[in-house]
Amino acid sequence: GWIPVNPDDEDTFPKDNDYVLVSFENWDVPSIGRYEVDENGGAFYPGDEDKSYTSLGVVVNAWKPLPEPYKEEVQP
């Protein structure tokens, strides 16, 4: 399920450079993003972009791990 983001609790954030599904407080469509830690703390970024969601005016309120990619099963 979704993991709510709590700015006061580091344990509510993904690991550094993990790609995750993010939900927004002020946007209806989830997105694939990544969480990146730097000397100022951490931030969520859309995909491989250099600008954070916050700098784009959207607020991440929850995240969850990405599902495993589809792999076709080979029939014997």
PDB file of N, CA and C in Angstrom:
ATOM      1  N   GLY A   1       0.802  -1.190   0.000  1.00  0.00           N
ATOM      2  CA  GLY A   1       0.000   0.000   0.000  1.00  0.00           C
ATOM      3  C   GLY A   1       0.852   1.265   0.000  1.00  0.00           C
ATOM      4  N   TRP A   2       0.173   2.368   0.035  1.00  0.00           N
ATOM      5  CA  TRP A   2       0.839   3.679   0.058  1.00  0.00           C
ATOM      6  C   TRP A   2       1.481   3.928   1.411  1.00  0.00           C
ATOM      7  N   ILE A   3       2.645   4.573   1.388  1.00  0.00           N
ATOM      8  CA  ILE A   3       3.359   4.951   2.602  1.00  0.00           C
ATOM      9  C   ILE A   3       3.305   6.473   2.699  1.00  0.00           C
ATOM     10  N   PRO A   4       2.539   7.016   3.673  1.00  0.00           N
ATOM     11  CA  PRO A   4       2.446   8.470   3.799  1.00  0.00           C
ATOM     12  C   PRO A   4       3.808   9.075   4.142  1.00  0.00           C
ATOM     13  N   VAL A   5       4.108  10.226   3.546  1.00  0.00           N
ATOM     14  CA  VAL A   5       5.356  10.929   3.806  1.00  0.00           C
ATOM     15  C   VAL A   5       5.186  11.782   5.063  1.00  0.00           C
ATOM     16  N   ASN A   6       6.105  11.618   6.010  1.00  0.00           N
ATOM     17  CA  ASN A   6       6.118  12.426   7.228  1.00  0.00           C
ATOM     18  C   ASN A   6       7.471  13.114   7.299  1.00  0.00           C
ATOM     19  N   PRO A   7       7.531  14.443   7.073  1.00  0.00           N
ATOM     20  CA  PRO A   7       8.816  15.148   7.050  1.00  0.00           C
ATOM     21  C   PRO A   7       9.635  14.997   8.333  1.00  0.00           C
ATOM     22  N   ASP A   8       8.978  14.647   9.448  1.00  0.00           N
ATOM     23  CA  ASP A   8       9.675  14.501  10.722  1.00  0.00           C
ATOM     24  C   ASP A   8      10.177  13.081  10.977  1.00  0.00           C
ATOM     25  N   ASP A   9       9.956  12.178  10.034  1.00  0.00           N
ATOM     26  CA  ASP A   9      10.336  10.776  10.246  1.00  0.00           C
ATOM     27  C   ASP A   9      11.049  10.234   9.007  1.00  0.00           C
ATOM     28  N   GLU A  10      12.373  10.088   9.089  1.00  0.00           N
ATOM     29  CA  GLU A  10      13.178   9.589   7.964  1.00  0.00           C
ATOM     30  C   GLU A  10      12.713   8.229   7.463  1.00  0.00           C
ATOM     31  N   ASP A  11      12.136   7.429   8.352  1.00  0.00           N
ATOM     32  CA  ASP A  11      11.711   6.075   7.983  1.00  0.00           C
ATOM     33  C   ASP A  11      10.517   6.066   7.039  1.00  0.00           C
ATOM     34  N   THR A  12       9.889   7.227   6.794  1.00  0.00           N
ATOM     35  CA  THR A  12       8.749   7.267   5.877  1.00  0.00           C
ATOM     36  C   THR A  12       9.182   7.600   4.452  1.00  0.00           C
ATOM     37  N   PHE A  13      10.485   7.684   4.200  1.00  0.00           N
ATOM     38  CA  PHE A  13      11.000   7.991   2.868  1.00  0.00           C
ATOM     39  C   PHE A  13      11.676   6.768   2.264  1.00  0.00           C
ATOM     40  N   PRO A  14      11.688   6.676   0.924  1.00  0.00           N
ATOM     41  CA  PRO A  14      12.389   5.562   0.266  1.00  0.00           C
ATOM     42  C   PRO A  14      13.899   5.684   0.456  1.00  0.00           C
ATOM     43  N   LYS A  15      14.621   4.656   0.070  1.00  0.00           N
ATOM     44  CA  LYS A  15      16.082   4.703   0.091  1.00  0.00           C
ATOM     45  C   LYS A  15      16.573   5.664  -0.989  1.00  0.00           C
ATOM     46  N   ASP A  16      17.777   6.166  -0.806  1.00  0.00           N
ATOM     47  CA  ASP A  16      18.386   7.103  -1.748  1.00  0.00           C
ATOM     48  C   ASP A  16      18.438   6.502  -3.153  1.00  0.00           C
ATOM     49  N   ASN A  17      17.978   7.261  -4.129  1.00  0.00           N
ATOM     50  CA  ASN A  17      17.961   6.906  -5.556  1.00  0.00           C
ATOM     51  C   ASN A  17      17.021   5.754  -5.916  1.00  0.00           C
ATOM     52  N   ASP A  18      16.091   5.424  -5.040  1.00  0.00           N
ATOM     53  CA  ASP A  18      15.075   4.425  -5.372  1.00  0.00           C
ATOM     54  C   ASP A  18      14.003   5.042  -6.262  1.00  0.00           C
ATOM     55  N   TYR A  19      13.581   4.315  -7.301  1.00  0.00           N
ATOM     56  CA  TYR A  19      12.455   4.724  -8.126  1.00  0.00           C
ATOM     57  C   TYR A  19      11.195   4.151  -7.497  1.00  0.00           C
ATOM     58  N   VAL A  20      10.180   5.001  -7.345  1.00  0.00           N
ATOM     59  CA  VAL A  20       8.947   4.630  -6.667  1.00  0.00           C
ATOM     60  C   VAL A  20       7.751   5.260  -7.374  1.00  0.00           C
ATOM     61  N   LEU A  21       6.564   4.790  -7.028  1.00  0.00           N
ATOM     62  CA  LEU A  21       5.338   5.419  -7.485  1.00  0.00           C
ATOM     63  C   LEU A  21       4.980   6.480  -6.449  1.00  0.00           C
ATOM     64  N   VAL A  22       4.724   7.709  -6.883  1.00  0.00           N
ATOM     65  CA  VAL A  22       4.418   8.790  -5.943  1.00  0.00           C
ATOM     66  C   VAL A  22       2.993   9.298  -6.152  1.00  0.00           C
ATOM     67  N   SER A  23       2.389   9.715  -5.059  1.00  0.00           N
ATOM     68  CA  SER A  23       1.058  10.316  -5.049  1.00  0.00           C
ATOM     69  C   SER A  23       1.233  11.772  -4.618  1.00  0.00           C
ATOM     70  N   PHE A  24       0.307  12.622  -5.039  1.00  0.00           N
ATOM     71  CA  PHE A  24       0.451  14.044  -4.765  1.00  0.00           C
ATOM     72  C   PHE A  24      -0.726  14.612  -3.989  1.00  0.00           C
ATOM     73  N   GLU A  25      -0.426  15.590  -3.173  1.00  0.00           N
ATOM     74  CA  GLU A  25      -1.448  16.306  -2.424  1.00  0.00           C
ATOM     75  C   GLU A  25      -2.290  17.179  -3.357  1.00  0.00           C
ATOM     76  N   ASN A  26      -1.671  17.734  -4.386  1.00  0.00           N
ATOM     77  CA  ASN A  26      -2.340  18.710  -5.239  1.00  0.00           C
ATOM     78  C   ASN A  26      -2.361  18.332  -6.722  1.00  0.00           C
ATOM     79  N   TRP A  27      -2.338  17.021  -7.016  1.00  0.00           N
ATOM     80  CA  TRP A  27      -2.429  16.529  -8.386  1.00  0.00           C
ATOM     81  C   TRP A  27      -3.036  15.145  -8.323  1.00  0.00           C
ATOM     82  N   ASP A  28      -3.948  14.829  -9.258  1.00  0.00           N
ATOM     83  CA  ASP A  28      -4.719  13.585  -9.169  1.00  0.00           C
ATOM     84  C   ASP A  28      -4.050  12.353  -9.751  1.00  0.00           C
ATOM     85  N   VAL A  29      -3.024  12.506 -10.577  1.00  0.00           N
ATOM     86  CA  VAL A  29      -2.439  11.369 -11.274  1.00  0.00           C
ATOM     87  C   VAL A  29      -1.101  10.975 -10.644  1.00  0.00           C
ATOM     88  N   PRO A  30      -0.952   9.728 -10.172  1.00  0.00           N
ATOM     89  CA  PRO A  30       0.341   9.286  -9.634  1.00  0.00           C
ATOM     90  C   PRO A  30       1.415   9.304 -10.726  1.00  0.00           C
ATOM     91  N   SER A  31       2.670   9.262 -10.301  1.00  0.00           N
ATOM     92  CA  SER A  31       3.788   9.340 -11.235  1.00  0.00           C
ATOM     93  C   SER A  31       4.931   8.465 -10.741  1.00  0.00           C
ATOM     94  N   ILE A  32       5.810   8.075 -11.666  1.00  0.00           N
ATOM     95  CA  ILE A  32       7.029   7.373 -11.274  1.00  0.00           C
ATOM     96  C   ILE A  32       8.102   8.422 -11.036  1.00  0.00           C
ATOM     97  N   GLY A  33       8.690   8.354  -9.875  1.00  0.00           N
ATOM     98  CA  GLY A  33       9.732   9.303  -9.525  1.00  0.00           C
ATOM     99  C   GLY A  33      10.832   8.614  -8.760  1.00  0.00           C
ATOM    100  N   ARG A  34      11.771   9.406  -8.293  1.00  0.00           N
ATOM    101  CA  ARG A  34      12.854   8.854  -7.469  1.00  0.00           C
ATOM    102  C   ARG A  34      13.071   9.768  -6.282  1.00  0.00           C
ATOM    103  N   TYR A  35      13.630   9.196  -5.239  1.00  0.00           N
ATOM    104  CA  TYR A  35      13.958   9.965  -4.046  1.00  0.00           C
ATOM    105  C   TYR A  35      15.466  10.094  -3.996  1.00  0.00           C
ATOM    106  N   GLU A  36      15.943  11.316  -3.795  1.00  0.00           N
ATOM    107  CA  GLU A  36      17.384  11.566  -3.778  1.00  0.00           C
ATOM    108  C   GLU A  36      17.756  12.351  -2.524  1.00  0.00           C
ATOM    109  N   VAL A  37      18.792  11.883  -1.842  1.00  0.00           N
ATOM    110  CA  VAL A  37      19.282  12.539  -0.638  1.00  0.00           C
ATOM    111  C   VAL A  37      20.519  13.351  -0.988  1.00  0.00           C
ATOM    112  N   ASP A  38      20.582  14.589  -0.448  1.00  0.00           N
ATOM    113  CA  ASP A  38      21.782  15.420  -0.608  1.00  0.00           C
ATOM    114  C   ASP A  38      22.100  16.089   0.717  1.00  0.00           C
ATOM    115  N   GLU A  39      23.009  17.050   0.704  1.00  0.00           N
ATOM    116  CA  GLU A  39      23.431  17.694   1.953  1.00  0.00           C
ATOM    117  C   GLU A  39      22.319  18.496   2.620  1.00  0.00           C
ATOM    118  N   ASN A  40      21.256  18.829   1.884  1.00  0.00           N
ATOM    119  CA  ASN A  40      20.135  19.590   2.439  1.00  0.00           C
ATOM    120  C   ASN A  40      18.979  18.700   2.885  1.00  0.00           C
ATOM    121  N   GLY A  41      19.140  17.408   2.779  1.00  0.00           N
ATOM    122  CA  GLY A  41      18.067  16.480   3.113  1.00  0.00           C
ATOM    123  C   GLY A  41      17.736  15.624   1.916  1.00  0.00           C
ATOM    124  N   GLY A  42      16.457  15.484   1.624  1.00  0.00           N
ATOM    125  CA  GLY A  42      16.051  14.679   0.488  1.00  0.00           C
ATOM    126  C   GLY A  42      14.897  15.307  -0.248  1.00  0.00           C
ATOM    127  N   ALA A  43      14.689  14.853  -1.483  1.00  0.00           N
ATOM    128  CA  ALA A  43      13.591  15.353  -2.304  1.00  0.00           C
ATOM    129  C   ALA A  43      13.188  14.292  -3.320  1.00  0.00           C
ATOM    130  N   PHE A  44      11.939  14.380  -3.767  1.00  0.00           N
ATOM    131  CA  PHE A  44      11.422  13.518  -4.817  1.00  0.00           C
ATOM    132  C   PHE A  44      11.588  14.223  -6.157  1.00  0.00           C
ATOM    133  N   TYR A  45      11.983  13.472  -7.186  1.00  0.00           N
ATOM    134  CA  TYR A  45      12.200  14.004  -8.530  1.00  0.00           C
ATOM    135  C   TYR A  45      11.424  13.169  -9.538  1.00  0.00           C
ATOM    136  N   PRO A  46      10.870  13.822 -10.580  1.00  0.00           N
ATOM    137  CA  PRO A  46      10.209  13.043 -11.625  1.00  0.00           C
ATOM    138  C   PRO A  46      11.237  12.281 -12.455  1.00  0.00           C
ATOM    139  N   GLY A  47      11.159  10.961 -12.468  1.00  0.00           N
ATOM    140  CA  GLY A  47      12.076  10.146 -13.275  1.00  0.00           C
ATOM    141  C   GLY A  47      13.525  10.528 -13.099  1.00  0.00           C
ATOM    142  N   ASP A  48      14.193  10.866 -14.205  1.00  0.00           N
ATOM    143  CA  ASP A  48      15.610  11.244 -14.166  1.00  0.00           C
ATOM    144  C   ASP A  48      15.816  12.762 -14.232  1.00  0.00           C
ATOM    145  N   GLU A  49      14.769  13.526 -13.995  1.00  0.00           N
ATOM    146  CA  GLU A  49      14.849  14.990 -14.076  1.00  0.00           C
ATOM    147  C   GLU A  49      15.710  15.571 -12.962  1.00  0.00           C
ATOM    148  N   ASP A  50      16.215  16.784 -13.195  1.00  0.00           N
ATOM    149  CA  ASP A  50      17.047  17.477 -12.211  1.00  0.00           C
ATOM    150  C   ASP A  50      16.248  18.389 -11.285  1.00  0.00           C
ATOM    151  N   LYS A  51      15.019  18.738 -11.679  1.00  0.00           N
ATOM    152  CA  LYS A  51      14.168  19.600 -10.851  1.00  0.00           C
ATOM    153  C   LYS A  51      13.243  18.728 -10.019  1.00  0.00           C
ATOM    154  N   SER A  52      13.121  19.067  -8.735  1.00  0.00           N
ATOM    155  CA  SER A  52      12.278  18.282  -7.838  1.00  0.00           C
ATOM    156  C   SER A  52      10.799  18.567  -8.091  1.00  0.00           C
ATOM    157  N   TYR A  53       9.943  17.664  -7.617  1.00  0.00           N
ATOM    158  CA  TYR A  53       8.505  17.902  -7.713  1.00  0.00           C
ATOM    159  C   TYR A  53       8.149  19.200  -7.001  1.00  0.00           C
ATOM    160  N   THR A  54       8.752  19.452  -5.855  1.00  0.00           N
ATOM    161  CA  THR A  54       8.464  20.678  -5.099  1.00  0.00           C
ATOM    162  C   THR A  54       8.746  21.917  -5.940  1.00  0.00           C
ATOM    163  N   SER A  55       9.870  21.924  -6.661  1.00  0.00           N
ATOM    164  CA  SER A  55      10.201  23.088  -7.485  1.00  0.00           C
ATOM    165  C   SER A  55       9.227  23.247  -8.649  1.00  0.00           C
ATOM    166  N   LEU A  56       8.525  22.158  -8.995  1.00  0.00           N
ATOM    167  CA  LEU A  56       7.525  22.206 -10.056  1.00  0.00           C
ATOM    168  C   LEU A  56       6.125  22.523  -9.522  1.00  0.00           C
ATOM    169  N   GLY A  57       6.016  22.687  -8.208  1.00  0.00           N
ATOM    170  CA  GLY A  57       4.745  23.080  -7.602  1.00  0.00           C
ATOM    171  C   GLY A  57       3.829  21.948  -7.200  1.00  0.00           C
ATOM    172  N   VAL A  58       4.320  20.714  -7.197  1.00  0.00           N
ATOM    173  CA  VAL A  58       3.499  19.590  -6.736  1.00  0.00           C
ATOM    174  C   VAL A  58       4.103  19.003  -5.462  1.00  0.00           C
ATOM    175  N   VAL A  59       3.221  18.565  -4.562  1.00  0.00           N
ATOM    176  CA  VAL A  59       3.633  18.098  -3.243  1.00  0.00           C
ATOM    177  C   VAL A  59       3.397  16.597  -3.133  1.00  0.00           C
ATOM    178  N   VAL A  60       4.473  15.839  -2.933  1.00  0.00           N
ATOM    179  CA  VAL A  60       4.368  14.388  -2.740  1.00  0.00           C
ATOM    180  C   VAL A  60       3.851  14.134  -1.331  1.00  0.00           C
ATOM    181  N   ASN A  61       2.741  13.384  -1.232  1.00  0.00           N
ATOM    182  CA  ASN A  61       2.191  13.075   0.087  1.00  0.00           C
ATOM    183  C   ASN A  61       2.306  11.600   0.454  1.00  0.00           C
ATOM    184  N   ALA A  62       2.631  10.739  -0.530  1.00  0.00           N
ATOM    185  CA  ALA A  62       2.790   9.306  -0.246  1.00  0.00           C
ATOM    186  C   ALA A  62       3.531   8.653  -1.413  1.00  0.00           C
ATOM    187  N   TRP A  63       4.054   7.455  -1.152  1.00  0.00           N
ATOM    188  CA  TRP A  63       4.780   6.708  -2.182  1.00  0.00           C
ATOM    189  C   TRP A  63       4.602   5.221  -1.918  1.00  0.00           C
ATOM    190  N   LYS A  64       4.923   4.418  -2.941  1.00  0.00           N
ATOM    191  CA  LYS A  64       4.979   2.973  -2.739  1.00  0.00           C
ATOM    192  C   LYS A  64       5.963   2.387  -3.746  1.00  0.00           C
ATOM    193  N   PRO A  65       6.547   1.241  -3.405  1.00  0.00           N
ATOM    194  CA  PRO A  65       7.502   0.607  -4.321  1.00  0.00           C
ATOM    195  C   PRO A  65       6.846   0.282  -5.655  1.00  0.00           C
ATOM    196  N   LEU A  66       7.649   0.309  -6.705  1.00  0.00           N
ATOM    197  CA  LEU A  66       7.158  -0.076  -8.023  1.00  0.00           C
ATOM    198  C   LEU A  66       6.923  -1.582  -8.055  1.00  0.00           C
ATOM    199  N   PRO A  67       5.918  -2.030  -8.809  1.00  0.00           N
ATOM    200  CA  PRO A  67       5.719  -3.476  -8.949  1.00  0.00           C
ATOM    201  C   PRO A  67       6.842  -4.071  -9.797  1.00  0.00           C
ATOM    202  N   GLU A  68       6.991  -5.377  -9.723  1.00  0.00           N
ATOM    203  CA  GLU A  68       7.965  -6.063 -10.564  1.00  0.00           C
ATOM    204  C   GLU A  68       7.540  -5.928 -12.022  1.00  0.00           C
ATOM    205  N   PRO A  69       8.482  -5.757 -12.939  1.00  0.00           N
ATOM    206  CA  PRO A  69       8.124  -5.679 -14.363  1.00  0.00           C
ATOM    207  C   PRO A  69       7.524  -7.000 -14.833  1.00  0.00           C
ATOM    208  N   TYR A  70       6.682  -6.908 -15.843  1.00  0.00           N
ATOM    209  CA  TYR A  70       6.056  -8.095 -16.419  1.00  0.00           C
ATOM    210  C   TYR A  70       7.134  -8.946 -17.101  1.00  0.00           C
ATOM    211  N   LYS A  71       7.050 -10.242 -16.882  1.00  0.00           N
ATOM    212  CA  LYS A  71       7.912 -11.202 -17.583  1.00  0.00           C
ATOM    213  C   LYS A  71       7.023 -12.319 -18.078  1.00  0.00           C
ATOM    214  N   GLU A  72       7.110 -12.588 -19.379  1.00  0.00           N
ATOM    215  CA  GLU A  72       6.312 -13.640 -19.951  1.00  0.00           C
ATOM    216  C   GLU A  72       6.803 -14.986 -19.443  1.00  0.00           C
ATOM    217  N   GLU A  73       5.857 -15.811 -19.022  1.00  0.00           N
ATOM    218  CA  GLU A  73       6.213 -17.144 -18.555  1.00  0.00           C
ATOM    219  C   GLU A  73       6.337 -18.065 -19.745  1.00  0.00           C
ATOM    220  N   VAL A  74       7.405 -18.815 -19.792  1.00  0.00           N
ATOM    221  CA  VAL A  74       7.642 -19.761 -20.882  1.00  0.00           C
ATOM    222  C   VAL A  74       6.948 -21.072 -20.529  1.00  0.00           C
ATOM    223  N   GLN A  75       6.105 -21.543 -21.457  1.00  0.00           N
ATOM    224  CA  GLN A  75       5.392 -22.800 -21.241  1.00  0.00           C
ATOM    225  C   GLN A  75       6.295 -23.958 -21.694  1.00  0.00           C
ATOM    226  N   PRO A  76       6.360 -25.022 -20.893  1.00  0.00           N
ATOM    227  CA  PRO A  76       7.191 -26.183 -21.297  1.00  0.00           C
ATOM    228  C   PRO A  76       6.633 -26.916 -22.489  1.00  0.00           C
TER     229      PRO A  76
END
